[in-house]
Amino acid sequence: MEMIGLIGGMSFESSAVYYRLVNEMVRDRKGGLASAELILHSVNFEEIVALQKAAEWDMAASRLGDVALRLQIAGARCILICTNTMHLIADKVADKISVPLIHIIDETAKSLHASARKRPLLLATRYTMEHGFYGDRMKSLGVDIMVPDASDRTTVHDIIFNELCAGKVLDSSRDKLMAVISRAIDNGADSIILGCTEICLILDPDHLPLPGFDTTAIHARAAVDFALGADEEAEEEAA
């Protein structure tokens, strides 16, 4: 089993989900009391949010790049940035390391292709919905995303930062998100990307009016595929 390196803390609410999912997936695939070999470096989210608000993306890249390198030195054979937003600087983080950085957008695009979905609605932070990095990379991978209108983008962003990242899951906010989804359906959406790693705390991708793609679960599964790949190939050859 290869060791997984997680850059977490953005927020710790979703990092806890990553930790649980990765270990559950390993146990399901290996059986018994198996769990993942992983290292989690959890950063102070308050410091990262300050850099986001100040548009200090180069400083954020330097900070997370240093963390990624420390994880590699500690033995991680792959790295995950456990947040969609900070994939804005994922390429710069990847440049700091020599092990693979498993990219959340690439893995989500693979899942969309596998389900023949081409026009998903993206629910995410304002940075992810508006900065172009997400839509541009998805477009290069053959997926044309939709984003909510300006008012709905504000609603989604505020729910994420003011509530979900603070451990608050409100029924009234779930209703607001479902209304955003309803408007997207009217505009031709064929699926929903839960494009913030906290949104799975409030929306169940299996209980939406369109197929839902939970980026947290998709990313965690990709890490487990990497970690167990060589081991499972060896078992198949032995059989």
C-alpha atoms as a PDB file:
ATOM      1  CA  MET A   1       0.000   0.000   0.000  1.00  0.00           C
ATOM      2  CA  GLU A   2       1.398   3.392  -0.988  1.00  0.00           C
ATOM      3  CA  MET A   3       1.254   6.220   1.539  1.00  0.00           C
ATOM      4  CA  ILE A   4      -1.205   9.046   0.792  1.00  0.00           C
ATOM      5  CA  GLY A   5      -0.368  12.657   1.673  1.00  0.00           C
ATOM      6  CA  LEU A   6      -3.304  14.955   2.444  1.00  0.00           C
ATOM      7  CA  ILE A   7      -3.046  18.738   2.629  1.00  0.00           C
ATOM      8  CA  GLY A   8      -6.040  19.466   4.831  1.00  0.00           C
ATOM      9  CA  GLY A   9      -7.564  22.035   7.128  1.00  0.00           C
ATOM     10  CA  MET A  10      -9.373  23.947   4.370  1.00  0.00           C
ATOM     11  CA  SER A  11     -11.684  23.463   6.187  1.00  0.00           C
ATOM     12  CA  PHE A  12     -11.094  20.795   8.819  1.00  0.00           C
ATOM     13  CA  GLU A  13     -14.775  19.891   8.461  1.00  0.00           C
ATOM     14  CA  SER A  14     -14.150  18.445   4.999  1.00  0.00           C
ATOM     15  CA  SER A  15     -10.701  17.088   5.904  1.00  0.00           C
ATOM     16  CA  ALA A  16     -12.423  14.866   8.463  1.00  0.00           C
ATOM     17  CA  VAL A  17     -14.644  13.554   5.654  1.00  0.00           C
ATOM     18  CA  TYR A  18     -11.562  12.788   3.535  1.00  0.00           C
ATOM     19  CA  TYR A  19      -9.974  10.873   6.404  1.00  0.00           C
ATOM     20  CA  ARG A  20     -13.111   8.816   6.990  1.00  0.00           C
ATOM     21  CA  LEU A  21     -13.763   8.099   3.306  1.00  0.00           C
ATOM     22  CA  VAL A  22     -10.204   7.058   2.469  1.00  0.00           C
ATOM     23  CA  ASN A  23     -10.096   4.648   5.398  1.00  0.00           C
ATOM     24  CA  GLU A  24     -13.566   3.259   4.708  1.00  0.00           C
ATOM     25  CA  MET A  25     -12.674   2.640   1.071  1.00  0.00           C
ATOM     26  CA  VAL A  26      -9.460   0.838   1.993  1.00  0.00           C
ATOM     27  CA  ARG A  27     -11.317  -1.325   4.526  1.00  0.00           C
ATOM     28  CA  ASP A  28     -14.030  -2.140   1.985  1.00  0.00           C
ATOM     29  CA  ARG A  29     -11.454  -3.210  -0.594  1.00  0.00           C
ATOM     30  CA  LYS A  30      -8.959  -5.011   1.659  1.00  0.00           C
ATOM     31  CA  GLY A  31     -11.336  -6.365   4.286  1.00  0.00           C
ATOM     32  CA  GLY A  32     -10.909  -7.008   7.977  1.00  0.00           C
ATOM     33  CA  LEU A  33      -9.414  -4.139   9.951  1.00  0.00           C
ATOM     34  CA  ALA A  34      -7.449  -2.683   7.031  1.00  0.00           C
ATOM     35  CA  SER A  35      -6.999   1.076   6.994  1.00  0.00           C
ATOM     36  CA  ALA A  36      -5.013   3.553   4.921  1.00  0.00           C
ATOM     37  CA  GLU A  37      -1.373   4.486   5.217  1.00  0.00           C
ATOM     38  CA  LEU A  38      -1.663   8.271   5.140  1.00  0.00           C
ATOM     39  CA  ILE A  39      -0.223  11.512   6.455  1.00  0.00           C
ATOM     40  CA  LEU A  40      -2.460  14.533   7.025  1.00  0.00           C
ATOM     41  CA  HIS A  41      -0.975  18.011   7.362  1.00  0.00           C
ATOM     42  CA  SER A  42      -3.763  20.311   8.494  1.00  0.00           C
ATOM     43  CA  VAL A  43      -3.078  24.017   7.951  1.00  0.00           C
ATOM     44  CA  ASN A  44      -4.611  26.982   9.776  1.00  0.00           C
ATOM     45  CA  PHE A  45      -7.555  27.849   7.525  1.00  0.00           C
ATOM     46  CA  GLU A  46      -7.777  31.391   8.873  1.00  0.00           C
ATOM     47  CA  GLU A  47      -4.367  32.114   7.347  1.00  0.00           C
ATOM     48  CA  ILE A  48      -5.339  30.606   3.994  1.00  0.00           C
ATOM     49  CA  VAL A  49      -8.636  32.526   3.890  1.00  0.00           C
ATOM     50  CA  ALA A  50      -6.738  35.764   4.501  1.00  0.00           C
ATOM     51  CA  LEU A  51      -4.535  35.006   1.482  1.00  0.00           C
ATOM     52  CA  GLN A  52      -7.617  34.198  -0.616  1.00  0.00           C
ATOM     53  CA  LYS A  53      -9.325  37.477   0.297  1.00  0.00           C
ATOM     54  CA  ALA A  54      -6.153  39.432  -0.475  1.00  0.00           C
ATOM     55  CA  ALA A  55      -5.691  37.562  -3.789  1.00  0.00           C
ATOM     56  CA  GLU A  56      -2.221  36.542  -2.584  1.00  0.00           C
ATOM     57  CA  TRP A  57      -2.289  33.347  -4.613  1.00  0.00           C
ATOM     58  CA  ASP A  58       1.492  33.143  -5.045  1.00  0.00           C
ATOM     59  CA  MET A  59       1.944  33.250  -1.278  1.00  0.00           C
ATOM     60  CA  ALA A  60      -0.715  30.578  -0.892  1.00  0.00           C
ATOM     61  CA  ALA A  61       1.048  28.442  -3.487  1.00  0.00           C
ATOM     62  CA  SER A  62       4.349  28.817  -1.635  1.00  0.00           C
ATOM     63  CA  ARG A  63       2.674  27.846   1.652  1.00  0.00           C
ATOM     64  CA  LEU A  64       0.944  24.754   0.286  1.00  0.00           C
ATOM     65  CA  GLY A  65       3.943  23.826  -1.841  1.00  0.00           C
ATOM     66  CA  ASP A  66       6.082  23.713   1.294  1.00  0.00           C
ATOM     67  CA  VAL A  67       3.492  21.494   2.963  1.00  0.00           C
ATOM     68  CA  ALA A  68       3.403  19.170  -0.053  1.00  0.00           C
ATOM     69  CA  LEU A  69       7.179  18.841  -0.009  1.00  0.00           C
ATOM     70  CA  ARG A  70       7.170  18.026   3.707  1.00  0.00           C
ATOM     71  CA  LEU A  71       4.589  15.301   3.091  1.00  0.00           C
ATOM     72  CA  GLN A  72       6.727  13.850   0.308  1.00  0.00           C
ATOM     73  CA  ILE A  73       9.817  13.873   2.514  1.00  0.00           C
ATOM     74  CA  ALA A  74       7.785  12.132   5.219  1.00  0.00           C
ATOM     75  CA  GLY A  75       7.014   9.289   2.817  1.00  0.00           C
ATOM     76  CA  ALA A  76       3.858  10.242   0.909  1.00  0.00           C
ATOM     77  CA  ARG A  77       3.827   8.744  -2.596  1.00  0.00           C
ATOM     78  CA  CYS A  78       0.970  10.954  -3.807  1.00  0.00           C
ATOM     79  CA  ILE A  79      -0.402  14.308  -2.683  1.00  0.00           C
ATOM     80  CA  LEU A  80      -3.973  15.614  -2.478  1.00  0.00           C
ATOM     81  CA  ILE A  81      -5.027  19.209  -1.853  1.00  0.00           C
ATOM     82  CA  CYS A  82      -8.235  18.575   0.093  1.00  0.00           C
ATOM     83  CA  THR A  83     -10.165  21.529  -1.307  1.00  0.00           C
ATOM     84  CA  ASN A  84     -11.399  22.563  -4.738  1.00  0.00           C
ATOM     85  CA  THR A  85     -10.627  26.267  -4.372  1.00  0.00           C
ATOM     86  CA  MET A  86      -6.923  25.834  -3.758  1.00  0.00           C
ATOM     87  CA  HIS A  87      -6.584  23.889  -7.002  1.00  0.00           C
ATOM     88  CA  LEU A  88      -6.340  27.385  -8.430  1.00  0.00           C
ATOM     89  CA  ILE A  89      -2.649  27.049  -7.508  1.00  0.00           C
ATOM     90  CA  ALA A  90      -2.377  23.257  -7.879  1.00  0.00           C
ATOM     91  CA  ASP A  91       0.118  23.411 -10.748  1.00  0.00           C
ATOM     92  CA  LYS A  92       2.498  25.537  -8.661  1.00  0.00           C
ATOM     93  CA  VAL A  93       2.189  23.121  -5.755  1.00  0.00           C
ATOM     94  CA  ALA A  94       2.861  20.183  -8.090  1.00  0.00           C
ATOM     95  CA  ASP A  95       6.041  21.902  -9.282  1.00  0.00           C
ATOM     96  CA  LYS A  96       7.429  21.646  -5.732  1.00  0.00           C
ATOM     97  CA  ILE A  97       7.231  17.854  -5.570  1.00  0.00           C
ATOM     98  CA  SER A  98       8.311  14.829  -7.590  1.00  0.00           C
ATOM     99  CA  VAL A  99       5.404  12.551  -6.644  1.00  0.00           C
ATOM    100  CA  PRO A 100       1.996  12.794  -8.351  1.00  0.00           C
ATOM    101  CA  LEU A 101      -0.489  15.445  -7.265  1.00  0.00           C
ATOM    102  CA  ILE A 102      -3.916  13.897  -7.753  1.00  0.00           C
ATOM    103  CA  HIS A 103      -5.985  16.700  -9.269  1.00  0.00           C
ATOM    104  CA  ILE A 104      -9.585  17.008  -8.127  1.00  0.00           C
ATOM    105  CA  ILE A 105     -10.804  18.590 -11.389  1.00  0.00           C
ATOM    106  CA  ASP A 106      -9.268  15.875 -13.555  1.00  0.00           C
ATOM    107  CA  GLU A 107     -10.788  13.115 -11.439  1.00  0.00           C
ATOM    108  CA  THR A 108     -14.209  14.783 -11.462  1.00  0.00           C
ATOM    109  CA  ALA A 109     -14.067  15.145 -15.242  1.00  0.00           C
ATOM    110  CA  LYS A 110     -13.367  11.409 -15.533  1.00  0.00           C
ATOM    111  CA  SER A 111     -16.483  10.656 -13.467  1.00  0.00           C
ATOM    112  CA  LEU A 112     -18.598  12.987 -15.594  1.00  0.00           C
ATOM    113  CA  HIS A 113     -17.351  11.345 -18.791  1.00  0.00           C
ATOM    114  CA  ALA A 114     -18.078   7.898 -17.398  1.00  0.00           C
ATOM    115  CA  SER A 115     -21.688   8.972 -16.869  1.00  0.00           C
ATOM    116  CA  ALA A 116     -21.918  10.816 -20.215  1.00  0.00           C
ATOM    117  CA  ARG A 117     -22.649  14.145 -18.503  1.00  0.00           C
ATOM    118  CA  LYS A 118     -21.583  17.215 -20.439  1.00  0.00           C
ATOM    119  CA  ARG A 119     -23.383  20.204 -18.885  1.00  0.00           C
ATOM    120  CA  PRO A 120     -23.001  20.087 -15.087  1.00  0.00           C
ATOM    121  CA  LEU A 121     -23.889  22.857 -12.669  1.00  0.00           C
ATOM    122  CA  LEU A 122     -20.940  23.791 -10.465  1.00  0.00           C
ATOM    123  CA  LEU A 123     -21.742  24.592  -6.829  1.00  0.00           C
ATOM    124  CA  ALA A 124     -18.623  25.955  -5.168  1.00  0.00           C
ATOM    125  CA  THR A 125     -16.953  28.942  -3.554  1.00  0.00           C
ATOM    126  CA  ARG A 126     -16.924  32.251  -5.396  1.00  0.00           C
ATOM    127  CA  TYR A 127     -13.215  31.721  -6.177  1.00  0.00           C
ATOM    128  CA  THR A 128     -13.887  28.378  -7.837  1.00  0.00           C
ATOM    129  CA  MET A 129     -16.951  29.580  -9.738  1.00  0.00           C
ATOM    130  CA  GLU A 130     -15.524  32.923 -10.905  1.00  0.00           C
ATOM    131  CA  HIS A 131     -11.743  32.695 -11.305  1.00  0.00           C
ATOM    132  CA  GLY A 132     -11.846  30.625 -14.487  1.00  0.00           C
ATOM    133  CA  PHE A 133      -9.358  27.933 -13.495  1.00  0.00           C
ATOM    134  CA  TYR A 134     -12.075  25.344 -12.882  1.00  0.00           C
ATOM    135  CA  GLY A 135     -14.126  26.017 -16.000  1.00  0.00           C
ATOM    136  CA  ASP A 136     -11.055  26.317 -18.225  1.00  0.00           C
ATOM    137  CA  ARG A 137      -9.586  23.015 -17.066  1.00  0.00           C
ATOM    138  CA  MET A 138     -12.950  21.282 -17.359  1.00  0.00           C
ATOM    139  CA  LYS A 139     -13.364  22.666 -20.885  1.00  0.00           C
ATOM    140  CA  SER A 140      -9.930  21.330 -21.836  1.00  0.00           C
ATOM    141  CA  LEU A 141     -11.175  17.944 -20.631  1.00  0.00           C
ATOM    142  CA  GLY A 142     -14.344  18.126 -22.721  1.00  0.00           C
ATOM    143  CA  VAL A 143     -16.806  19.329 -20.074  1.00  0.00           C
ATOM    144  CA  ASP A 144     -18.713  22.619 -20.359  1.00  0.00           C
ATOM    145  CA  ILE A 145     -19.748  23.625 -16.848  1.00  0.00           C
ATOM    146  CA  MET A 146     -22.546  25.955 -15.777  1.00  0.00           C
ATOM    147  CA  VAL A 147     -22.316  28.338 -12.842  1.00  0.00           C
ATOM    148  CA  PRO A 148     -25.202  30.019 -11.016  1.00  0.00           C
ATOM    149  CA  ASP A 149     -26.019  33.678 -11.633  1.00  0.00           C
ATOM    150  CA  ALA A 150     -24.371  36.386  -9.504  1.00  0.00           C
ATOM    151  CA  SER A 151     -27.004  36.358  -6.774  1.00  0.00           C
ATOM    152  CA  ASP A 152     -26.979  32.572  -6.472  1.00  0.00           C
ATOM    153  CA  ARG A 153     -23.173  32.510  -6.473  1.00  0.00           C
ATOM    154  CA  THR A 154     -23.240  34.810  -3.444  1.00  0.00           C
ATOM    155  CA  THR A 155     -25.757  32.530  -1.736  1.00  0.00           C
ATOM    156  CA  VAL A 156     -23.674  29.396  -2.316  1.00  0.00           C
ATOM    157  CA  HIS A 157     -20.408  31.078  -1.293  1.00  0.00           C
ATOM    158  CA  ASP A 158     -21.898  32.446   1.929  1.00  0.00           C
ATOM    159  CA  ILE A 159     -23.395  29.088   2.888  1.00  0.00           C
ATOM    160  CA  ILE A 160     -19.995  27.460   2.443  1.00  0.00           C
ATOM    161  CA  PHE A 161     -17.889  29.966   4.364  1.00  0.00           C
ATOM    162  CA  ASN A 162     -20.325  31.240   6.974  1.00  0.00           C
ATOM    163  CA  GLU A 163     -21.985  27.918   7.764  1.00  0.00           C
ATOM    164  CA  LEU A 164     -20.467  24.687   6.458  1.00  0.00           C
ATOM    165  CA  CYS A 165     -16.852  25.611   7.222  1.00  0.00           C
ATOM    166  CA  ALA A 166     -18.031  26.539  10.719  1.00  0.00           C
ATOM    167  CA  GLY A 167     -19.810  23.225  11.254  1.00  0.00           C
ATOM    168  CA  LYS A 168     -23.339  24.590  10.707  1.00  0.00           C
ATOM    169  CA  VAL A 169     -25.712  22.573   8.518  1.00  0.00           C
ATOM    170  CA  LEU A 170     -29.067  24.358   8.193  1.00  0.00           C
ATOM    171  CA  ASP A 171     -32.222  23.031   6.556  1.00  0.00           C
ATOM    172  CA  SER A 172     -33.031  26.539   5.350  1.00  0.00           C
ATOM    173  CA  SER A 173     -29.712  26.687   3.480  1.00  0.00           C
ATOM    174  CA  ARG A 174     -30.322  23.266   1.947  1.00  0.00           C
ATOM    175  CA  ASP A 175     -33.601  24.650   0.607  1.00  0.00           C
ATOM    176  CA  LYS A 176     -31.721  27.614  -0.905  1.00  0.00           C
ATOM    177  CA  LEU A 177     -29.257  25.289  -2.632  1.00  0.00           C
ATOM    178  CA  MET A 178     -32.096  23.163  -3.996  1.00  0.00           C
ATOM    179  CA  ALA A 179     -33.664  26.330  -5.421  1.00  0.00           C
ATOM    180  CA  VAL A 180     -30.350  27.154  -7.150  1.00  0.00           C
ATOM    181  CA  ILE A 181     -30.342  23.648  -8.618  1.00  0.00           C
ATOM    182  CA  SER A 182     -33.938  24.010  -9.794  1.00  0.00           C
ATOM    183  CA  ARG A 183     -33.071  27.180 -11.712  1.00  0.00           C
ATOM    184  CA  ALA A 184     -30.094  25.432 -13.288  1.00  0.00           C
ATOM    185  CA  ILE A 185     -32.303  22.568 -14.455  1.00  0.00           C
ATOM    186  CA  ASP A 186     -34.515  25.121 -16.198  1.00  0.00           C
ATOM    187  CA  ASN A 187     -31.386  26.403 -17.954  1.00  0.00           C
ATOM    188  CA  GLY A 188     -30.289  22.990 -19.210  1.00  0.00           C
ATOM    189  CA  ALA A 189     -28.044  21.490 -16.534  1.00  0.00           C
ATOM    190  CA  ASP A 190     -27.713  17.704 -16.819  1.00  0.00           C
ATOM    191  CA  SER A 191     -25.891  17.054 -13.534  1.00  0.00           C
ATOM    192  CA  ILE A 192     -24.583  18.687 -10.357  1.00  0.00           C
ATOM    193  CA  ILE A 193     -20.958  19.014  -9.268  1.00  0.00           C
ATOM    194  CA  LEU A 194     -20.614  19.373  -5.508  1.00  0.00           C
ATOM    195  CA  GLY A 195     -17.547  21.491  -6.239  1.00  0.00           C
ATOM    196  CA  CYS A 196     -16.646  22.424  -2.707  1.00  0.00           C
ATOM    197  CA  THR A 197     -15.478  19.702  -0.368  1.00  0.00           C
ATOM    198  CA  GLU A 198     -17.921  20.871   2.325  1.00  0.00           C
ATOM    199  CA  ILE A 199     -21.079  20.703   0.196  1.00  0.00           C
ATOM    200  CA  CYS A 200     -21.404  16.963   0.806  1.00  0.00           C
ATOM    201  CA  LEU A 201     -22.170  17.914   4.409  1.00  0.00           C
ATOM    202  CA  ILE A 202     -25.461  19.481   3.328  1.00  0.00           C
ATOM    203  CA  LEU A 203     -26.381  17.817   0.000  1.00  0.00           C
ATOM    204  CA  ASP A 204     -26.500  14.078  -0.649  1.00  0.00           C
ATOM    205  CA  PRO A 205     -25.441  13.488  -4.279  1.00  0.00           C
ATOM    206  CA  ASP A 206     -27.713  10.443  -4.442  1.00  0.00           C
ATOM    207  CA  HIS A 207     -30.800  12.457  -3.515  1.00  0.00           C
ATOM    208  CA  LEU A 208     -30.737  15.301  -6.012  1.00  0.00           C
ATOM    209  CA  PRO A 209     -33.069  15.894  -8.981  1.00  0.00           C
ATOM    210  CA  LEU A 210     -30.079  15.347 -11.310  1.00  0.00           C
ATOM    211  CA  PRO A 211     -27.061  13.020 -10.993  1.00  0.00           C
ATOM    212  CA  GLY A 212     -24.714  14.412  -8.356  1.00  0.00           C
ATOM    213  CA  PHE A 213     -20.919  14.239  -8.368  1.00  0.00           C
ATOM    214  CA  ASP A 214     -19.356  14.660  -4.944  1.00  0.00           C
ATOM    215  CA  THR A 215     -15.802  15.892  -5.518  1.00  0.00           C
ATOM    216  CA  THR A 216     -14.745  14.898  -2.010  1.00  0.00           C
ATOM    217  CA  ALA A 217     -15.670  11.253  -2.552  1.00  0.00           C
ATOM    218  CA  ILE A 218     -14.295  11.254  -6.106  1.00  0.00           C
ATOM    219  CA  HIS A 219     -10.959  12.658  -4.925  1.00  0.00           C
ATOM    220  CA  ALA A 220     -10.726  10.233  -2.003  1.00  0.00           C
ATOM    221  CA  ARG A 221     -11.452   7.283  -4.294  1.00  0.00           C
ATOM    222  CA  ALA A 222      -8.707   8.364  -6.690  1.00  0.00           C
ATOM    223  CA  ALA A 223      -6.243   8.427  -3.793  1.00  0.00           C
ATOM    224  CA  VAL A 224      -7.233   4.914  -2.748  1.00  0.00           C
ATOM    225  CA  ASP A 225      -6.976   3.671  -6.346  1.00  0.00           C
ATOM    226  CA  PHE A 226      -3.418   5.021  -6.440  1.00  0.00           C
ATOM    227  CA  ALA A 227      -2.478   3.675  -3.025  1.00  0.00           C
ATOM    228  CA  LEU A 228      -3.777   0.163  -3.654  1.00  0.00           C
ATOM    229  CA  GLY A 229      -3.080  -0.076  -7.374  1.00  0.00           C
ATOM    230  CA  ALA A 230       0.210  -1.955  -7.293  1.00  0.00           C
ATOM    231  CA  ASP A 231      -0.936  -4.191  -4.437  1.00  0.00           C
ATOM    232  CA  GLU A 232      -4.161  -5.181  -6.182  1.00  0.00           C
ATOM    233  CA  GLU A 233      -2.348  -5.798  -9.484  1.00  0.00           C
ATOM    234  CA  ALA A 234       0.044  -8.134  -7.670  1.00  0.00           C
ATOM    235  CA  GLU A 235      -2.864 -10.005  -6.097  1.00  0.00           C
ATOM    236  CA  GLU A 236      -4.525 -10.409  -9.505  1.00  0.00           C
ATOM    237  CA  GLU A 237      -1.309 -11.769 -11.030  1.00  0.00           C
ATOM    238  CA  ALA A 238      -0.888 -14.200  -8.132  1.00  0.00           C
ATOM    239  CA  ALA A 239      -4.436 -15.444  -8.598  1.00  0.00           C
END
